[in-house]
């Protein structure tokens, strides 16, 4: 374990905070991009999807990158690369240059995300669950700050693209923290031999972890995407009420990661996954059964959904040793596919052709499937069937 782990964890938290800010700027600047480039919603969605496509490629190849370069070089290159990507977004002069810049930005912020997770894992190997949940808490904090950051820039008279340019300040802070933290042990850890991709993909536990994250990310983003239409169309709620419910979900989600960091090590990873997954499914079910007056239970479910993915990452890193970060990459790739396939396509199809309530019933079914897989993983771990 590195001796200067406090400096390393501050560096990791700063990286994740930067990720939270940069990755969530897009929600605030979307309307301005539409105005400047004359886009409709479909073309804006296609444009923003290139951030996710870039992320997916890096998640899948993260293990190979760490094997080839080591964490120190990846961190340095990541800071430089992200600086260029953010400058590229700022300087984009048409739809296609912006699309390209967003692709590079997606690869860049994901590269630093992987570095932050690995720094945390190596520095706090005995408290991975706690520290990785705290790491993701800082991503949430960045996401909360992002809208206010953009609003402040716009109020000062700058255009939307300056919000990306000024984000480089966060990378400058990361660079100075990188210089002040000595990382020799981290470098040696990054050069451990990992199992091959083909070997890992044949492992039953890799498939199970990836499926659970596929389901969990699909549920998280389905709630973010479809809660507002559900409140408006199915329950005729006012815009003020819709905003309150969405804000409540994000507040509960952020609080959930903090609470997870306190209790996950005490009850164990798999018990935590089962208990919180069951609680989230129960709350959404009660909201659907209870109707109008119980709908508030859907955003409250964020309290229990929040710790699922960080805890799964910790469990993966514990289970696969030096190959853990590679498996995290596979699982996060599955999560990005879950975001697209489950949240956007499947739930959207159910909402159109059955009813928007049926889409939320589907989320309960997905959570039940994730719960069963988590229980099976627990049994595999107990019986040491690896």
Foldseek 3Di string as FASTA:
>chain_A
DDPPLVLLLVLLLLLLLLLLQVLQLCVQCLVVVCVLAVDDPVLSVVLLCLLLVLLLVCLQCVLVVLQVQNLLVLLVVLLVQLLVLLVQCLPDDHSVSNSVSSNSNSNSSNSSNLSSLLSLCVSCVPQQLLSLLVSVLSSLVSNVCNNVLQVVCVVVPDHNSVSSNVSSVSSVVSVVSSVVDDQPVRRVLSNDDADDPVVLVVDPVLVLLLLLLLLLLLLVLLCLPQVLVCCCVVVVDDPVVSVVLNVLLSVLLSLLSNVSSVPCSVVDLLVLLLVLLVQLLVLLVCPLVVDDVSVSSNSNNSSSSNSNLSSSLSVQCSVRPSNSSSSNSSSVSSNSVSNCPNRPPVLVVCCVPPNNSVSSVVSSVSSVVSSVSSVVVVVCVVVVVD
